[in-house]
Amino acid sequence: MISKDTLFAISLFPYLGFLWFLTRSGQMPRLALIGFYALLVFVAVTIPAGIYAKVVYNEQLANIDWLHGGAEIFLTFSNILVVLGFRQALVQQREASGK
């Protein structure tokens, strides 16, 4: 049976492929693309935070509110950038079409 940690690590490769294709397509709104890349910052912060929670508190990251909330800030920031990027693209498209 594959552990959830192994599955998490393996899932990084398809996401990197997703980012590669998005970047090469040239059709993704820049701010949204930055948001998708910022998700990697969330991953990079979550892994050591999870290790810290396990070593120091002998708990999962989700059970240490201050640490979990601190890591989740990066996910929220990433999501905001994606939404703002697509919103900006929609506004620009509407302006270009004259509506």
N, C-alpha and C. Protein backbone atom coordinates (compact mmCIF):
# COMPACT_ATOMS: atom_id res chain seq x y z
N MET A 1 0.84 -1.19 0.00
CA MET A 1 0.00 0.00 0.00
C MET A 1 0.88 1.25 0.00
N ILE A 2 0.51 2.20 -0.81
CA ILE A 2 1.27 3.46 -0.91
C ILE A 2 0.83 4.39 0.22
N SER A 3 1.80 4.93 0.93
CA SER A 3 1.47 5.85 2.02
C SER A 3 1.05 7.20 1.45
N LYS A 4 0.35 7.96 2.26
CA LYS A 4 -0.10 9.29 1.80
C LYS A 4 1.08 10.22 1.55
N ASP A 5 2.16 10.05 2.31
CA ASP A 5 3.35 10.88 2.09
C ASP A 5 4.00 10.57 0.74
N THR A 6 4.04 9.29 0.39
CA THR A 6 4.59 8.90 -0.90
C THR A 6 3.72 9.42 -2.03
N LEU A 7 2.42 9.29 -1.87
CA LEU A 7 1.48 9.78 -2.88
C LEU A 7 1.61 11.29 -3.05
N PHE A 8 1.78 12.00 -1.94
CA PHE A 8 1.97 13.45 -1.98
C PHE A 8 3.23 13.79 -2.78
N ALA A 9 4.32 13.08 -2.52
CA ALA A 9 5.58 13.35 -3.22
C ALA A 9 5.45 13.04 -4.71
N ILE A 10 4.78 11.95 -5.04
CA ILE A 10 4.61 11.56 -6.45
C ILE A 10 3.73 12.57 -7.19
N SER A 11 2.76 13.14 -6.49
CA SER A 11 1.83 14.08 -7.14
C SER A 11 2.52 15.37 -7.57
N LEU A 12 3.68 15.62 -7.05
CA LEU A 12 4.42 16.83 -7.43
C LEU A 12 4.83 16.79 -8.90
N PHE A 13 5.16 15.61 -9.42
CA PHE A 13 5.61 15.51 -10.81
C PHE A 13 4.53 15.87 -11.83
N PRO A 14 3.29 15.38 -11.69
CA PRO A 14 2.27 15.84 -12.64
C PRO A 14 2.01 17.35 -12.53
N TYR A 15 2.11 17.89 -11.32
CA TYR A 15 1.89 19.32 -11.16
C TYR A 15 2.99 20.12 -11.84
N LEU A 16 4.22 19.65 -11.73
CA LEU A 16 5.32 20.32 -12.43
C LEU A 16 5.12 20.26 -13.94
N GLY A 17 4.62 19.13 -14.43
CA GLY A 17 4.29 19.02 -15.86
C GLY A 17 3.19 20.00 -16.25
N PHE A 18 2.18 20.12 -15.40
CA PHE A 18 1.10 21.08 -15.61
C PHE A 18 1.65 22.50 -15.72
N LEU A 19 2.55 22.86 -14.80
CA LEU A 19 3.16 24.19 -14.85
C LEU A 19 3.99 24.39 -16.11
N TRP A 20 4.69 23.37 -16.51
CA TRP A 20 5.52 23.45 -17.72
C TRP A 20 4.64 23.73 -18.94
N PHE A 21 3.54 22.97 -19.07
CA PHE A 21 2.64 23.17 -20.22
C PHE A 21 1.96 24.53 -20.16
N LEU A 22 1.54 24.96 -18.98
CA LEU A 22 0.92 26.29 -18.85
C LEU A 22 1.89 27.38 -19.28
N THR A 23 3.12 27.26 -18.83
CA THR A 23 4.12 28.29 -19.14
C THR A 23 4.40 28.31 -20.64
N ARG A 24 4.56 27.15 -21.24
CA ARG A 24 4.89 27.08 -22.67
C ARG A 24 3.71 27.49 -23.55
N SER A 25 2.49 27.34 -23.07
CA SER A 25 1.34 27.68 -23.91
C SER A 25 1.28 29.17 -24.21
N GLY A 26 1.73 29.98 -23.26
CA GLY A 26 1.69 31.43 -23.44
C GLY A 26 0.30 32.01 -23.39
N GLN A 27 -0.70 31.22 -23.05
CA GLN A 27 -2.08 31.68 -23.05
C GLN A 27 -2.64 31.92 -21.64
N MET A 28 -1.87 31.58 -20.64
CA MET A 28 -2.31 31.74 -19.26
C MET A 28 -2.07 33.18 -18.82
N PRO A 29 -3.06 33.80 -18.18
CA PRO A 29 -2.81 35.15 -17.65
C PRO A 29 -1.61 35.13 -16.69
N ARG A 30 -0.74 36.10 -16.84
CA ARG A 30 0.52 36.11 -16.08
C ARG A 30 0.31 36.02 -14.58
N LEU A 31 -0.61 36.78 -14.03
CA LEU A 31 -0.84 36.78 -12.59
C LEU A 31 -1.36 35.41 -12.13
N ALA A 32 -2.21 34.79 -12.92
CA ALA A 32 -2.71 33.45 -12.57
C ALA A 32 -1.56 32.45 -12.62
N LEU A 33 -0.69 32.57 -13.60
CA LEU A 33 0.46 31.67 -13.70
C LEU A 33 1.36 31.83 -12.47
N ILE A 34 1.57 33.05 -12.05
CA ILE A 34 2.36 33.29 -10.83
C ILE A 34 1.68 32.63 -9.63
N GLY A 35 0.35 32.69 -9.59
CA GLY A 35 -0.39 32.04 -8.51
C GLY A 35 -0.20 30.54 -8.51
N PHE A 36 -0.20 29.93 -9.69
CA PHE A 36 0.02 28.48 -9.77
C PHE A 36 1.45 28.13 -9.33
N TYR A 37 2.41 28.97 -9.67
CA TYR A 37 3.78 28.74 -9.20
C TYR A 37 3.88 28.97 -7.69
N ALA A 38 3.13 29.93 -7.18
CA ALA A 38 3.16 30.21 -5.74
C ALA A 38 2.66 29.02 -4.92
N LEU A 39 1.87 28.16 -5.54
CA LEU A 39 1.44 26.96 -4.84
C LEU A 39 2.63 26.10 -4.44
N LEU A 40 3.70 26.16 -5.22
CA LEU A 40 4.92 25.44 -4.86
C LEU A 40 5.52 25.98 -3.56
N VAL A 41 5.35 27.27 -3.31
CA VAL A 41 5.82 27.86 -2.05
C VAL A 41 5.02 27.25 -0.89
N PHE A 42 3.72 27.10 -1.09
CA PHE A 42 2.88 26.46 -0.07
C PHE A 42 3.40 25.05 0.23
N VAL A 43 3.71 24.30 -0.81
CA VAL A 43 4.23 22.94 -0.62
C VAL A 43 5.56 22.98 0.12
N ALA A 44 6.43 23.90 -0.30
CA ALA A 44 7.75 24.01 0.32
C ALA A 44 7.66 24.41 1.79
N VAL A 45 6.65 25.16 2.17
CA VAL A 45 6.47 25.56 3.57
C VAL A 45 5.78 24.45 4.37
N THR A 46 4.84 23.77 3.74
CA THR A 46 4.05 22.76 4.44
C THR A 46 4.89 21.56 4.86
N ILE A 47 5.81 21.14 4.03
CA ILE A 47 6.62 19.95 4.35
C ILE A 47 7.44 20.16 5.63
N PRO A 48 8.25 21.21 5.73
CA PRO A 48 8.98 21.37 6.99
C PRO A 48 8.07 21.67 8.18
N ALA A 49 6.95 22.34 7.94
CA ALA A 49 6.00 22.60 9.04
C ALA A 49 5.42 21.30 9.55
N GLY A 50 5.13 20.37 8.65
CA GLY A 50 4.62 19.06 9.05
C GLY A 50 5.65 18.27 9.83
N ILE A 51 6.90 18.34 9.39
CA ILE A 51 7.98 17.65 10.10
C ILE A 51 8.16 18.26 11.50
N TYR A 52 8.12 19.58 11.57
CA TYR A 52 8.24 20.27 12.86
C TYR A 52 7.11 19.86 13.80
N ALA A 53 5.89 19.81 13.29
CA ALA A 53 4.75 19.41 14.12
C ALA A 53 4.93 18.00 14.66
N LYS A 54 5.45 17.12 13.82
CA LYS A 54 5.64 15.73 14.24
C LYS A 54 6.75 15.61 15.27
N VAL A 55 7.88 16.28 15.04
CA VAL A 55 9.04 16.17 15.92
C VAL A 55 8.80 16.86 17.26
N VAL A 56 8.30 18.09 17.21
CA VAL A 56 8.18 18.89 18.43
C VAL A 56 6.91 18.54 19.21
N TYR A 57 5.79 18.36 18.53
CA TYR A 57 4.51 18.15 19.21
C TYR A 57 4.00 16.71 19.11
N ASN A 58 4.67 15.89 18.32
CA ASN A 58 4.24 14.51 18.06
C ASN A 58 2.78 14.48 17.57
N GLU A 59 2.46 15.41 16.69
CA GLU A 59 1.11 15.56 16.13
C GLU A 59 1.21 15.80 14.62
N GLN A 60 0.09 15.62 13.97
CA GLN A 60 0.01 16.00 12.56
C GLN A 60 -0.10 17.51 12.47
N LEU A 61 0.32 18.04 11.33
CA LEU A 61 0.29 19.49 11.11
C LEU A 61 -1.11 20.06 11.32
N ALA A 62 -2.12 19.36 10.87
CA ALA A 62 -3.50 19.84 10.97
C ALA A 62 -3.95 20.02 12.42
N ASN A 63 -3.28 19.40 13.36
CA ASN A 63 -3.67 19.49 14.76
C ASN A 63 -2.98 20.62 15.52
N ILE A 64 -2.05 21.29 14.89
CA ILE A 64 -1.34 22.42 15.51
C ILE A 64 -1.82 23.69 14.81
N ASP A 65 -2.81 24.32 15.39
CA ASP A 65 -3.52 25.42 14.72
C ASP A 65 -2.61 26.54 14.24
N TRP A 66 -1.73 27.04 15.09
CA TRP A 66 -0.91 28.19 14.69
C TRP A 66 0.03 27.83 13.55
N LEU A 67 0.54 26.63 13.57
CA LEU A 67 1.46 26.19 12.52
C LEU A 67 0.72 25.88 11.22
N HIS A 68 -0.41 25.23 11.36
CA HIS A 68 -1.23 24.90 10.19
C HIS A 68 -1.76 26.17 9.53
N GLY A 69 -2.24 27.11 10.35
CA GLY A 69 -2.73 28.38 9.81
C GLY A 69 -1.65 29.17 9.10
N GLY A 70 -0.45 29.15 9.66
CA GLY A 70 0.68 29.83 9.03
C GLY A 70 1.00 29.26 7.66
N ALA A 71 0.94 27.94 7.55
CA ALA A 71 1.20 27.30 6.26
C ALA A 71 0.07 27.59 5.27
N GLU A 72 -1.16 27.58 5.75
CA GLU A 72 -2.32 27.79 4.89
C GLU A 72 -2.38 29.20 4.31
N ILE A 73 -1.71 30.14 4.94
CA ILE A 73 -1.65 31.51 4.40
C ILE A 73 -1.07 31.49 2.99
N PHE A 74 -0.08 30.63 2.76
CA PHE A 74 0.54 30.55 1.44
C PHE A 74 -0.41 29.97 0.41
N LEU A 75 -1.25 29.04 0.81
CA LEU A 75 -2.26 28.50 -0.09
C LEU A 75 -3.30 29.57 -0.43
N THR A 76 -3.72 30.31 0.57
CA THR A 76 -4.68 31.38 0.34
C THR A 76 -4.12 32.43 -0.61
N PHE A 77 -2.88 32.82 -0.40
CA PHE A 77 -2.22 33.80 -1.26
C PHE A 77 -2.15 33.29 -2.70
N SER A 78 -1.81 32.04 -2.87
CA SER A 78 -1.75 31.42 -4.20
C SER A 78 -3.11 31.48 -4.88
N ASN A 79 -4.15 31.10 -4.14
CA ASN A 79 -5.51 31.11 -4.71
C ASN A 79 -5.95 32.52 -5.09
N ILE A 80 -5.61 33.49 -4.28
CA ILE A 80 -5.97 34.89 -4.59
C ILE A 80 -5.31 35.34 -5.89
N LEU A 81 -4.04 34.99 -6.06
CA LEU A 81 -3.34 35.37 -7.29
C LEU A 81 -3.97 34.73 -8.52
N VAL A 82 -4.36 33.47 -8.42
CA VAL A 82 -5.01 32.79 -9.55
C VAL A 82 -6.32 33.48 -9.90
N VAL A 83 -7.14 33.75 -8.90
CA VAL A 83 -8.43 34.40 -9.14
C VAL A 83 -8.25 35.80 -9.72
N LEU A 84 -7.35 36.58 -9.15
CA LEU A 84 -7.12 37.93 -9.67
C LEU A 84 -6.58 37.91 -11.09
N GLY A 85 -5.74 36.92 -11.39
CA GLY A 85 -5.20 36.79 -12.75
C GLY A 85 -6.29 36.51 -13.77
N PHE A 86 -7.19 35.59 -13.45
CA PHE A 86 -8.29 35.29 -14.38
C PHE A 86 -9.28 36.45 -14.45
N ARG A 87 -9.51 37.12 -13.33
CA ARG A 87 -10.40 38.29 -13.34
C ARG A 87 -9.83 39.38 -14.24
N GLN A 88 -8.53 39.62 -14.10
CA GLN A 88 -7.88 40.63 -14.94
C GLN A 88 -8.00 40.27 -16.42
N ALA A 89 -7.84 39.00 -16.75
CA ALA A 89 -7.95 38.57 -18.15
C ALA A 89 -9.37 38.77 -18.66
N LEU A 90 -10.37 38.48 -17.83
CA LEU A 90 -11.77 38.69 -18.24
C LEU A 90 -12.07 40.16 -18.46
N VAL A 91 -11.58 41.00 -17.57
CA VAL A 91 -11.80 42.45 -17.71
C VAL A 91 -11.15 42.95 -19.00
N GLN A 92 -9.94 42.51 -19.27
CA GLN A 92 -9.25 42.94 -20.49
C GLN A 92 -9.97 42.44 -21.74
N GLN A 93 -10.50 41.24 -21.69
CA GLN A 93 -11.23 40.70 -22.84
C GLN A 93 -12.52 41.49 -23.08
N ARG A 94 -13.22 41.84 -22.01
CA ARG A 94 -14.44 42.63 -22.15
C ARG A 94 -14.14 44.01 -22.73
N GLU A 95 -13.06 44.63 -22.25
CA GLU A 95 -12.68 45.95 -22.76
C GLU A 95 -12.30 45.88 -24.24
N ALA A 96 -11.62 44.83 -24.61
CA ALA A 96 -11.21 44.67 -26.02
C ALA A 96 -12.39 44.45 -26.93
N SER A 97 -13.43 43.76 -26.42
CA SER A 97 -14.61 43.51 -27.26
C SER A 97 -15.61 44.64 -27.20
N GLY A 98 -15.36 45.63 -26.34
CA GLY A 98 -16.23 46.80 -26.26
C GLY A 98 -17.51 46.60 -25.48
N LYS A 99 -17.56 45.63 -24.60
CA LYS A 99 -18.77 45.38 -23.80
C LYS A 99 -18.63 45.90 -22.42
